[in-house]
Amino acid sequence: MTIQYALKFKKQYKKLPQKFQQQFDDRLRLFLIEPTNHKLRIHPLKGFFKGYWSMNISGDLRALYLKKGEVVIIFGLIGTHSELYG
């Protein structure tokens, strides 16, 4: 599996506190080993974000990504529920 990051994701990630960056890194490792692990709470999104998938990072923090085929994942956004969904 290949992981890519959108420019917006990179900017949002850099603004996160170190604690949340580490939590994302930990969840990403879990995702790469076991993408269906229930801790990730992965689900497809609807409406404006149709085509994206949401991954739980911690409490209120989510990372949104797109799937390109079966082998490429592009992380597009990261933020709290209210930052992402309004």
PDB file of N, CA and C in Angstrom:
ATOM      1  N   MET A   1       0.846  -1.179   0.000  1.00  0.00           N
ATOM      2  CA  MET A   1       0.000   0.000   0.000  1.00  0.00           C
ATOM      3  C   MET A   1       0.892   1.243   0.000  1.00  0.00           C
ATOM      4  N   THR A   2       0.538   2.194  -0.823  1.00  0.00           N
ATOM      5  CA  THR A   2       1.267   3.458  -0.913  1.00  0.00           C
ATOM      6  C   THR A   2       0.449   4.558  -0.242  1.00  0.00           C
ATOM      7  N   ILE A   3       1.107   5.328   0.617  1.00  0.00           N
ATOM      8  CA  ILE A   3       0.448   6.434   1.315  1.00  0.00           C
ATOM      9  C   ILE A   3       0.958   7.750   0.734  1.00  0.00           C
ATOM     10  N   GLN A   4       0.028   8.628   0.393  1.00  0.00           N
ATOM     11  CA  GLN A   4       0.365   9.963  -0.091  1.00  0.00           C
ATOM     12  C   GLN A   4      -0.388  10.981   0.765  1.00  0.00           C
ATOM     13  N   TYR A   5       0.096  12.211   0.755  1.00  0.00           N
ATOM     14  CA  TYR A   5      -0.512  13.274   1.559  1.00  0.00           C
ATOM     15  C   TYR A   5      -0.758  14.502   0.692  1.00  0.00           C
ATOM     16  N   ALA A   6      -1.977  14.998   0.728  1.00  0.00           N
ATOM     17  CA  ALA A   6      -2.306  16.245   0.038  1.00  0.00           C
ATOM     18  C   ALA A   6      -1.616  17.403   0.754  1.00  0.00           C
ATOM     19  N   LEU A   7      -1.351  18.469   0.034  1.00  0.00           N
ATOM     20  CA  LEU A   7      -0.700  19.644   0.609  1.00  0.00           C
ATOM     21  C   LEU A   7      -1.493  20.185   1.799  1.00  0.00           C
ATOM     22  N   LYS A   8      -2.809  20.237   1.681  1.00  0.00           N
ATOM     23  CA  LYS A   8      -3.654  20.736   2.784  1.00  0.00           C
ATOM     24  C   LYS A   8      -3.474  19.866   4.026  1.00  0.00           C
ATOM     25  N   PHE A   9      -3.415  18.546   3.836  1.00  0.00           N
ATOM     26  CA  PHE A   9      -3.209  17.638   4.968  1.00  0.00           C
ATOM     27  C   PHE A   9      -1.877  17.949   5.652  1.00  0.00           C
ATOM     28  N   LYS A  10      -0.834  18.120   4.867  1.00  0.00           N
ATOM     29  CA  LYS A  10       0.491  18.400   5.434  1.00  0.00           C
ATOM     30  C   LYS A  10       0.477  19.671   6.273  1.00  0.00           C
ATOM     31  N   LYS A  11      -0.202  20.704   5.780  1.00  0.00           N
ATOM     32  CA  LYS A  11      -0.285  21.967   6.516  1.00  0.00           C
ATOM     33  C   LYS A  11      -1.066  21.791   7.819  1.00  0.00           C
ATOM     34  N   GLN A  12      -2.196  21.070   7.739  1.00  0.00           N
ATOM     35  CA  GLN A  12      -3.006  20.848   8.939  1.00  0.00           C
ATOM     36  C   GLN A  12      -2.238  20.007   9.957  1.00  0.00           C
ATOM     37  N   TYR A  13      -1.537  18.999   9.480  1.00  0.00           N
ATOM     38  CA  TYR A  13      -0.766  18.109  10.362  1.00  0.00           C
ATOM     39  C   TYR A  13       0.294  18.904  11.123  1.00  0.00           C
ATOM     40  N   LYS A  14       1.006  19.788  10.430  1.00  0.00           N
ATOM     41  CA  LYS A  14       2.065  20.579  11.067  1.00  0.00           C
ATOM     42  C   LYS A  14       1.525  21.498  12.155  1.00  0.00           C
ATOM     43  N   LYS A  15       0.267  21.920  12.027  1.00  0.00           N
ATOM     44  CA  LYS A  15      -0.345  22.811  13.019  1.00  0.00           C
ATOM     45  C   LYS A  15      -0.845  22.062  14.255  1.00  0.00           C
ATOM     46  N   LEU A  16      -0.938  20.735  14.158  1.00  0.00           N
ATOM     47  CA  LEU A  16      -1.430  19.952  15.289  1.00  0.00           C
ATOM     48  C   LEU A  16      -0.404  19.927  16.415  1.00  0.00           C
ATOM     49  N   PRO A  17      -0.870  19.864  17.664  1.00  0.00           N
ATOM     50  CA  PRO A  17       0.066  19.654  18.772  1.00  0.00           C
ATOM     51  C   PRO A  17       0.807  18.323  18.580  1.00  0.00           C
ATOM     52  N   GLN A  18       2.015  18.251  19.094  1.00  0.00           N
ATOM     53  CA  GLN A  18       2.847  17.051  18.963  1.00  0.00           C
ATOM     54  C   GLN A  18       2.096  15.792  19.396  1.00  0.00           C
ATOM     55  N   LYS A  19       1.311  15.901  20.459  1.00  0.00           N
ATOM     56  CA  LYS A  19       0.541  14.760  20.965  1.00  0.00           C
ATOM     57  C   LYS A  19      -0.366  14.184  19.872  1.00  0.00           C
ATOM     58  N   PHE A  20      -1.048  15.051  19.135  1.00  0.00           N
ATOM     59  CA  PHE A  20      -1.962  14.586  18.090  1.00  0.00           C
ATOM     60  C   PHE A  20      -1.210  14.079  16.863  1.00  0.00           C
ATOM     61  N   GLN A  21      -0.059  14.680  16.575  1.00  0.00           N
ATOM     62  CA  GLN A  21       0.763  14.158  15.483  1.00  0.00           C
ATOM     63  C   GLN A  21       1.184  12.718  15.792  1.00  0.00           C
ATOM     64  N   GLN A  22       1.592  12.489  17.035  1.00  0.00           N
ATOM     65  CA  GLN A  22       2.003  11.142  17.444  1.00  0.00           C
ATOM     66  C   GLN A  22       0.829  10.173  17.372  1.00  0.00           C
ATOM     67  N   GLN A  23      -0.357  10.618  17.780  1.00  0.00           N
ATOM     68  CA  GLN A  23      -1.531   9.750  17.707  1.00  0.00           C
ATOM     69  C   GLN A  23      -1.849   9.389  16.260  1.00  0.00           C
ATOM     70  N   PHE A  24      -1.718  10.352  15.341  1.00  0.00           N
ATOM     71  CA  PHE A  24      -1.934  10.032  13.931  1.00  0.00           C
ATOM     72  C   PHE A  24      -0.907   9.011  13.457  1.00  0.00           C
ATOM     73  N   ASP A  25       0.354   9.236  13.790  1.00  0.00           N
ATOM     74  CA  ASP A  25       1.411   8.312  13.371  1.00  0.00           C
ATOM     75  C   ASP A  25       1.142   6.901  13.886  1.00  0.00           C
ATOM     76  N   ASP A  26       0.683   6.792  15.131  1.00  0.00           N
ATOM     77  CA  ASP A  26       0.354   5.483  15.709  1.00  0.00           C
ATOM     78  C   ASP A  26      -0.803   4.831  14.964  1.00  0.00           C
ATOM     79  N   ARG A  27      -1.842   5.611  14.672  1.00  0.00           N
ATOM     80  CA  ARG A  27      -3.008   5.070  13.952  1.00  0.00           C
ATOM     81  C   ARG A  27      -2.636   4.685  12.521  1.00  0.00           C
ATOM     82  N   LEU A  28      -1.762   5.445  11.911  1.00  0.00           N
ATOM     83  CA  LEU A  28      -1.330   5.113  10.552  1.00  0.00           C
ATOM     84  C   LEU A  28      -0.604   3.768  10.543  1.00  0.00           C
ATOM     85  N   ARG A  29       0.261   3.550  11.530  1.00  0.00           N
ATOM     86  CA  ARG A  29       0.948   2.250  11.620  1.00  0.00           C
ATOM     87  C   ARG A  29      -0.063   1.120  11.769  1.00  0.00           C
ATOM     88  N   LEU A  30      -1.065   1.314  12.616  1.00  0.00           N
ATOM     89  CA  LEU A  30      -2.110   0.306  12.793  1.00  0.00           C
ATOM     90  C   LEU A  30      -2.862   0.089  11.485  1.00  0.00           C
ATOM     91  N   PHE A  31      -3.190   1.166  10.801  1.00  0.00           N
ATOM     92  CA  PHE A  31      -3.906   1.099   9.529  1.00  0.00           C
ATOM     93  C   PHE A  31      -3.122   0.284   8.495  1.00  0.00           C
ATOM     94  N   LEU A  32      -1.813   0.482   8.457  1.00  0.00           N
ATOM     95  CA  LEU A  32      -0.983  -0.237   7.487  1.00  0.00           C
ATOM     96  C   LEU A  32      -0.903  -1.730   7.794  1.00  0.00           C
ATOM     97  N   ILE A  33      -0.960  -2.077   9.074  1.00  0.00           N
ATOM     98  CA  ILE A  33      -0.897  -3.482   9.482  1.00  0.00           C
ATOM     99  C   ILE A  33      -2.259  -4.149   9.379  1.00  0.00           C
ATOM    100  N   GLU A  34      -3.283  -3.449   9.856  1.00  0.00           N
ATOM    101  CA  GLU A  34      -4.625  -4.023   9.942  1.00  0.00           C
ATOM    102  C   GLU A  34      -5.672  -2.951   9.601  1.00  0.00           C
ATOM    103  N   PRO A  35      -5.906  -2.706   8.312  1.00  0.00           N
ATOM    104  CA  PRO A  35      -6.788  -1.603   7.909  1.00  0.00           C
ATOM    105  C   PRO A  35      -8.236  -1.731   8.366  1.00  0.00           C
ATOM    106  N   THR A  36      -8.660  -2.897   8.787  1.00  0.00           N
ATOM    107  CA  THR A  36     -10.043  -3.065   9.239  1.00  0.00           C
ATOM    108  C   THR A  36     -10.163  -3.096  10.763  1.00  0.00           C
ATOM    109  N   ASN A  37      -9.108  -2.745  11.473  1.00  0.00           N
ATOM    110  CA  ASN A  37      -9.151  -2.751  12.933  1.00  0.00           C
ATOM    111  C   ASN A  37     -10.261  -1.823  13.430  1.00  0.00           C
ATOM    112  N   HIS A  38     -11.069  -2.319  14.366  1.00  0.00           N
ATOM    113  CA  HIS A  38     -12.228  -1.555  14.853  1.00  0.00           C
ATOM    114  C   HIS A  38     -11.845  -0.247  15.546  1.00  0.00           C
ATOM    115  N   LYS A  39     -10.633  -0.147  16.078  1.00  0.00           N
ATOM    116  CA  LYS A  39     -10.195   1.086  16.743  1.00  0.00           C
ATOM    117  C   LYS A  39     -10.157   2.268  15.771  1.00  0.00           C
ATOM    118  N   LEU A  40      -9.974   1.979  14.496  1.00  0.00           N
ATOM    119  CA  LEU A  40      -9.866   3.035  13.492  1.00  0.00           C
ATOM    120  C   LEU A  40     -11.221   3.634  13.128  1.00  0.00           C
ATOM    121  N   ARG A  41     -12.283   2.898  13.366  1.00  0.00           N
ATOM    122  CA  ARG A  41     -13.655   3.332  13.074  1.00  0.00           C
ATOM    123  C   ARG A  41     -13.787   3.898  11.656  1.00  0.00           C
ATOM    124  N   ILE A  42     -13.237   3.190  10.716  1.00  0.00           N
ATOM    125  CA  ILE A  42     -13.243   3.641   9.324  1.00  0.00           C
ATOM    126  C   ILE A  42     -14.638   3.498   8.732  1.00  0.00           C
ATOM    127  N   HIS A  43     -15.057   4.554   8.041  1.00  0.00           N
ATOM    128  CA  HIS A  43     -16.349   4.514   7.363  1.00  0.00           C
ATOM    129  C   HIS A  43     -16.356   5.512   6.204  1.00  0.00           C
ATOM    130  N   PRO A  44     -17.136   5.197   5.176  1.00  0.00           N
ATOM    131  CA  PRO A  44     -17.230   6.115   4.038  1.00  0.00           C
ATOM    132  C   PRO A  44     -18.083   7.325   4.406  1.00  0.00           C
ATOM    133  N   LEU A  45     -17.768   8.445   3.812  1.00  0.00           N
ATOM    134  CA  LEU A  45     -18.521   9.667   4.070  1.00  0.00           C
ATOM    135  C   LEU A  45     -19.537   9.916   2.965  1.00  0.00           C
ATOM    136  N   LYS A  46     -20.514  10.754   3.290  1.00  0.00           N
ATOM    137  CA  LYS A  46     -21.591  11.085   2.350  1.00  0.00           C
ATOM    138  C   LYS A  46     -21.609  12.590   2.118  1.00  0.00           C
ATOM    139  N   GLY A  47     -22.479  13.016   1.247  1.00  0.00           N
ATOM    140  CA  GLY A  47     -22.673  14.446   1.015  1.00  0.00           C
ATOM    141  C   GLY A  47     -21.451  15.113   0.414  1.00  0.00           C
ATOM    142  N   PHE A  48     -21.058  16.249   0.982  1.00  0.00           N
ATOM    143  CA  PHE A  48     -19.945  17.044   0.470  1.00  0.00           C
ATOM    144  C   PHE A  48     -18.659  16.235   0.365  1.00  0.00           C
ATOM    145  N   PHE A  49     -18.436  15.311   1.307  1.00  0.00           N
ATOM    146  CA  PHE A  49     -17.211  14.513   1.340  1.00  0.00           C
ATOM    147  C   PHE A  49     -17.390  13.126   0.732  1.00  0.00           C
ATOM    148  N   LYS A  50     -18.408  12.963  -0.095  1.00  0.00           N
ATOM    149  CA  LYS A  50     -18.622  11.668  -0.744  1.00  0.00           C
ATOM    150  C   LYS A  50     -17.352  11.262  -1.500  1.00  0.00           C
ATOM    151  N   GLY A  51     -16.948  10.014  -1.322  1.00  0.00           N
ATOM    152  CA  GLY A  51     -15.716   9.518  -1.928  1.00  0.00           C
ATOM    153  C   GLY A  51     -14.574   9.437  -0.929  1.00  0.00           C
ATOM    154  N   TYR A  52     -14.689  10.221   0.159  1.00  0.00           N
ATOM    155  CA  TYR A  52     -13.687  10.177   1.223  1.00  0.00           C
ATOM    156  C   TYR A  52     -14.061   9.111   2.249  1.00  0.00           C
ATOM    157  N   TRP A  53     -13.056   8.680   2.973  1.00  0.00           N
ATOM    158  CA  TRP A  53     -13.233   7.774   4.102  1.00  0.00           C
ATOM    159  C   TRP A  53     -12.708   8.484   5.338  1.00  0.00           C
ATOM    160  N   SER A  54     -13.338   8.228   6.487  1.00  0.00           N
ATOM    161  CA  SER A  54     -12.931   8.848   7.743  1.00  0.00           C
ATOM    162  C   SER A  54     -12.261   7.811   8.631  1.00  0.00           C
ATOM    163  N   MET A  55     -11.164   8.221   9.277  1.00  0.00           N
ATOM    164  CA  MET A  55     -10.463   7.365  10.226  1.00  0.00           C
ATOM    165  C   MET A  55     -10.360   8.110  11.549  1.00  0.00           C
ATOM    166  N   ASN A  56     -10.751   7.457  12.628  1.00  0.00           N
ATOM    167  CA  ASN A  56     -10.675   8.040  13.961  1.00  0.00           C
ATOM    168  C   ASN A  56      -9.221   8.033  14.424  1.00  0.00           C
ATOM    169  N   ILE A  57      -8.742   9.194  14.848  1.00  0.00           N
ATOM    170  CA  ILE A  57      -7.385   9.297  15.376  1.00  0.00           C
ATOM    171  C   ILE A  57      -7.429   9.296  16.899  1.00  0.00           C
ATOM    172  N   SER A  58      -8.280  10.129  17.468  1.00  0.00           N
ATOM    173  CA  SER A  58      -8.490  10.163  18.916  1.00  0.00           C
ATOM    174  C   SER A  58      -9.795  10.897  19.155  1.00  0.00           C
ATOM    175  N   GLY A  59     -10.382  10.726  20.295  1.00  0.00           N
ATOM    176  CA  GLY A  59     -11.623  11.391  20.649  1.00  0.00           C
ATOM    177  C   GLY A  59     -12.343  12.096  19.521  1.00  0.00           C
ATOM    178  N   ASP A  60     -11.962  13.336  19.253  1.00  0.00           N
ATOM    179  CA  ASP A  60     -12.645  14.167  18.259  1.00  0.00           C
ATOM    180  C   ASP A  60     -11.822  14.378  16.986  1.00  0.00           C
ATOM    181  N   LEU A  61     -10.626  13.835  16.924  1.00  0.00           N
ATOM    182  CA  LEU A  61      -9.736  14.057  15.780  1.00  0.00           C
ATOM    183  C   LEU A  61      -9.945  12.994  14.706  1.00  0.00           C
ATOM    184  N   ARG A  62     -10.092  13.459  13.458  1.00  0.00           N
ATOM    185  CA  ARG A  62     -10.323  12.564  12.322  1.00  0.00           C
ATOM    186  C   ARG A  62      -9.330  12.870  11.210  1.00  0.00           C
ATOM    187  N   ALA A  63      -9.006  11.832  10.443  1.00  0.00           N
ATOM    188  CA  ALA A  63      -8.227  11.998   9.213  1.00  0.00           C
ATOM    189  C   ALA A  63      -9.096  11.495   8.071  1.00  0.00           C
ATOM    190  N   LEU A  64      -9.184  12.281   7.015  1.00  0.00           N
ATOM    191  CA  LEU A  64      -9.982  11.905   5.854  1.00  0.00           C
ATOM    192  C   LEU A  64      -9.047  11.527   4.715  1.00  0.00           C
ATOM    193  N   TYR A  65      -9.418  10.450   4.021  1.00  0.00           N
ATOM    194  CA  TYR A  65      -8.572  10.003   2.919  1.00  0.00           C
ATOM    195  C   TYR A  65      -9.399   9.506   1.749  1.00  0.00           C
ATOM    196  N   LEU A  66      -8.739   9.434   0.607  1.00  0.00           N
ATOM    197  CA  LEU A  66      -9.318   8.895  -0.621  1.00  0.00           C
ATOM    198  C   LEU A  66      -8.596   7.603  -0.966  1.00  0.00           C
ATOM    199  N   LYS A  67      -9.319   6.680  -1.566  1.00  0.00           N
ATOM    200  CA  LYS A  67      -8.714   5.446  -2.061  1.00  0.00           C
ATOM    201  C   LYS A  67      -8.536   5.577  -3.568  1.00  0.00           C
ATOM    202  N   LYS A  68      -7.357   5.261  -4.037  1.00  0.00           N
ATOM    203  CA  LYS A  68      -7.088   5.196  -5.480  1.00  0.00           C
ATOM    204  C   LYS A  68      -6.769   3.738  -5.780  1.00  0.00           C
ATOM    205  N   GLY A  69      -7.768   3.008  -6.228  1.00  0.00           N
ATOM    206  CA  GLY A  69      -7.587   1.578  -6.430  1.00  0.00           C
ATOM    207  C   GLY A  69      -7.434   0.879  -5.091  1.00  0.00           C
ATOM    208  N   GLU A  70      -6.733  -0.216  -5.098  1.00  0.00           N
ATOM    209  CA  GLU A  70      -6.554  -0.996  -3.866  1.00  0.00           C
ATOM    210  C   GLU A  70      -5.224  -0.712  -3.181  1.00  0.00           C
ATOM    211  N   VAL A  71      -4.347   0.047  -3.831  1.00  0.00           N
ATOM    212  CA  VAL A  71      -3.003   0.175  -3.281  1.00  0.00           C
ATOM    213  C   VAL A  71      -2.554   1.594  -2.938  1.00  0.00           C
ATOM    214  N   VAL A  72      -3.338   2.610  -3.268  1.00  0.00           N
ATOM    215  CA  VAL A  72      -2.930   3.990  -2.985  1.00  0.00           C
ATOM    216  C   VAL A  72      -3.960   4.664  -2.085  1.00  0.00           C
ATOM    217  N   ILE A  73      -3.477   5.232  -0.997  1.00  0.00           N
ATOM    218  CA  ILE A  73      -4.305   5.990  -0.058  1.00  0.00           C
ATOM    219  C   ILE A  73      -3.770   7.419  -0.037  1.00  0.00           C
ATOM    220  N   ILE A  74      -4.660   8.392  -0.230  1.00  0.00           N
ATOM    221  CA  ILE A  74      -4.257   9.800  -0.203  1.00  0.00           C
ATOM    222  C   ILE A  74      -4.968  10.485   0.961  1.00  0.00           C
ATOM    223  N   PHE A  75      -4.204  10.841   1.991  1.00  0.00           N
ATOM    224  CA  PHE A  75      -4.783  11.574   3.110  1.00  0.00           C
ATOM    225  C   PHE A  75      -4.976  13.020   2.678  1.00  0.00           C
ATOM    226  N   GLY A  76      -6.219  13.500   2.806  1.00  0.00           N
ATOM    227  CA  GLY A  76      -6.557  14.829   2.324  1.00  0.00           C
ATOM    228  C   GLY A  76      -6.722  15.875   3.395  1.00  0.00           C
ATOM    229  N   LEU A  77      -7.292  15.493   4.542  1.00  0.00           N
ATOM    230  CA  LEU A  77      -7.592  16.449   5.605  1.00  0.00           C
ATOM    231  C   LEU A  77      -7.410  15.785   6.957  1.00  0.00           C
ATOM    232  N   ILE A  78      -7.085  16.592   7.965  1.00  0.00           N
ATOM    233  CA  ILE A  78      -7.042  16.113   9.344  1.00  0.00           C
ATOM    234  C   ILE A  78      -7.502  17.260  10.236  1.00  0.00           C
ATOM    235  N   GLY A  79      -8.346  16.945  11.211  1.00  0.00           N
ATOM    236  CA  GLY A  79      -8.835  17.973  12.120  1.00  0.00           C
ATOM    237  C   GLY A  79      -9.923  17.420  13.016  1.00  0.00           C
ATOM    238  N   THR A  80     -10.468  18.286  13.849  1.00  0.00           N
ATOM    239  CA  THR A  80     -11.552  17.866  14.725  1.00  0.00           C
ATOM    240  C   THR A  80     -12.832  17.723  13.915  1.00  0.00           C
ATOM    241  N   HIS A  81     -13.798  17.091  14.518  1.00  0.00           N
ATOM    242  CA  HIS A  81     -15.086  16.879  13.856  1.00  0.00           C
ATOM    243  C   HIS A  81     -15.666  18.214  13.391  1.00  0.00           C
ATOM    244  N   SER A  82     -15.665  19.209  14.261  1.00  0.00           N
ATOM    245  CA  SER A  82     -16.250  20.509  13.900  1.00  0.00           C
ATOM    246  C   SER A  82     -15.412  21.247  12.849  1.00  0.00           C
ATOM    247  N   GLU A  83     -14.096  21.097  12.871  1.00  0.00           N
ATOM    248  CA  GLU A  83     -13.250  21.735  11.856  1.00  0.00           C
ATOM    249  C   GLU A  83     -13.508  21.146  10.470  1.00  0.00           C
ATOM    250  N   LEU A  84     -13.727  19.850  10.422  1.00  0.00           N
ATOM    251  CA  LEU A  84     -13.906  19.177   9.138  1.00  0.00           C
ATOM    252  C   LEU A  84     -15.330  19.278   8.609  1.00  0.00           C
ATOM    253  N   TYR A  85     -16.298  19.085   9.488  1.00  0.00           N
ATOM    254  CA  TYR A  85     -17.683  18.978   9.044  1.00  0.00           C
ATOM    255  C   TYR A  85     -18.514  20.220   9.324  1.00  0.00           C
ATOM    256  N   GLY A  86     -17.937  21.194  10.025  1.00  0.00           N
ATOM    257  CA  GLY A  86     -18.654  22.438  10.292  1.00  0.00           C
ATOM    258  C   GLY A  86     -19.428  22.347  11.494  1.00  0.00           C
TER     259      GLY A  86
END
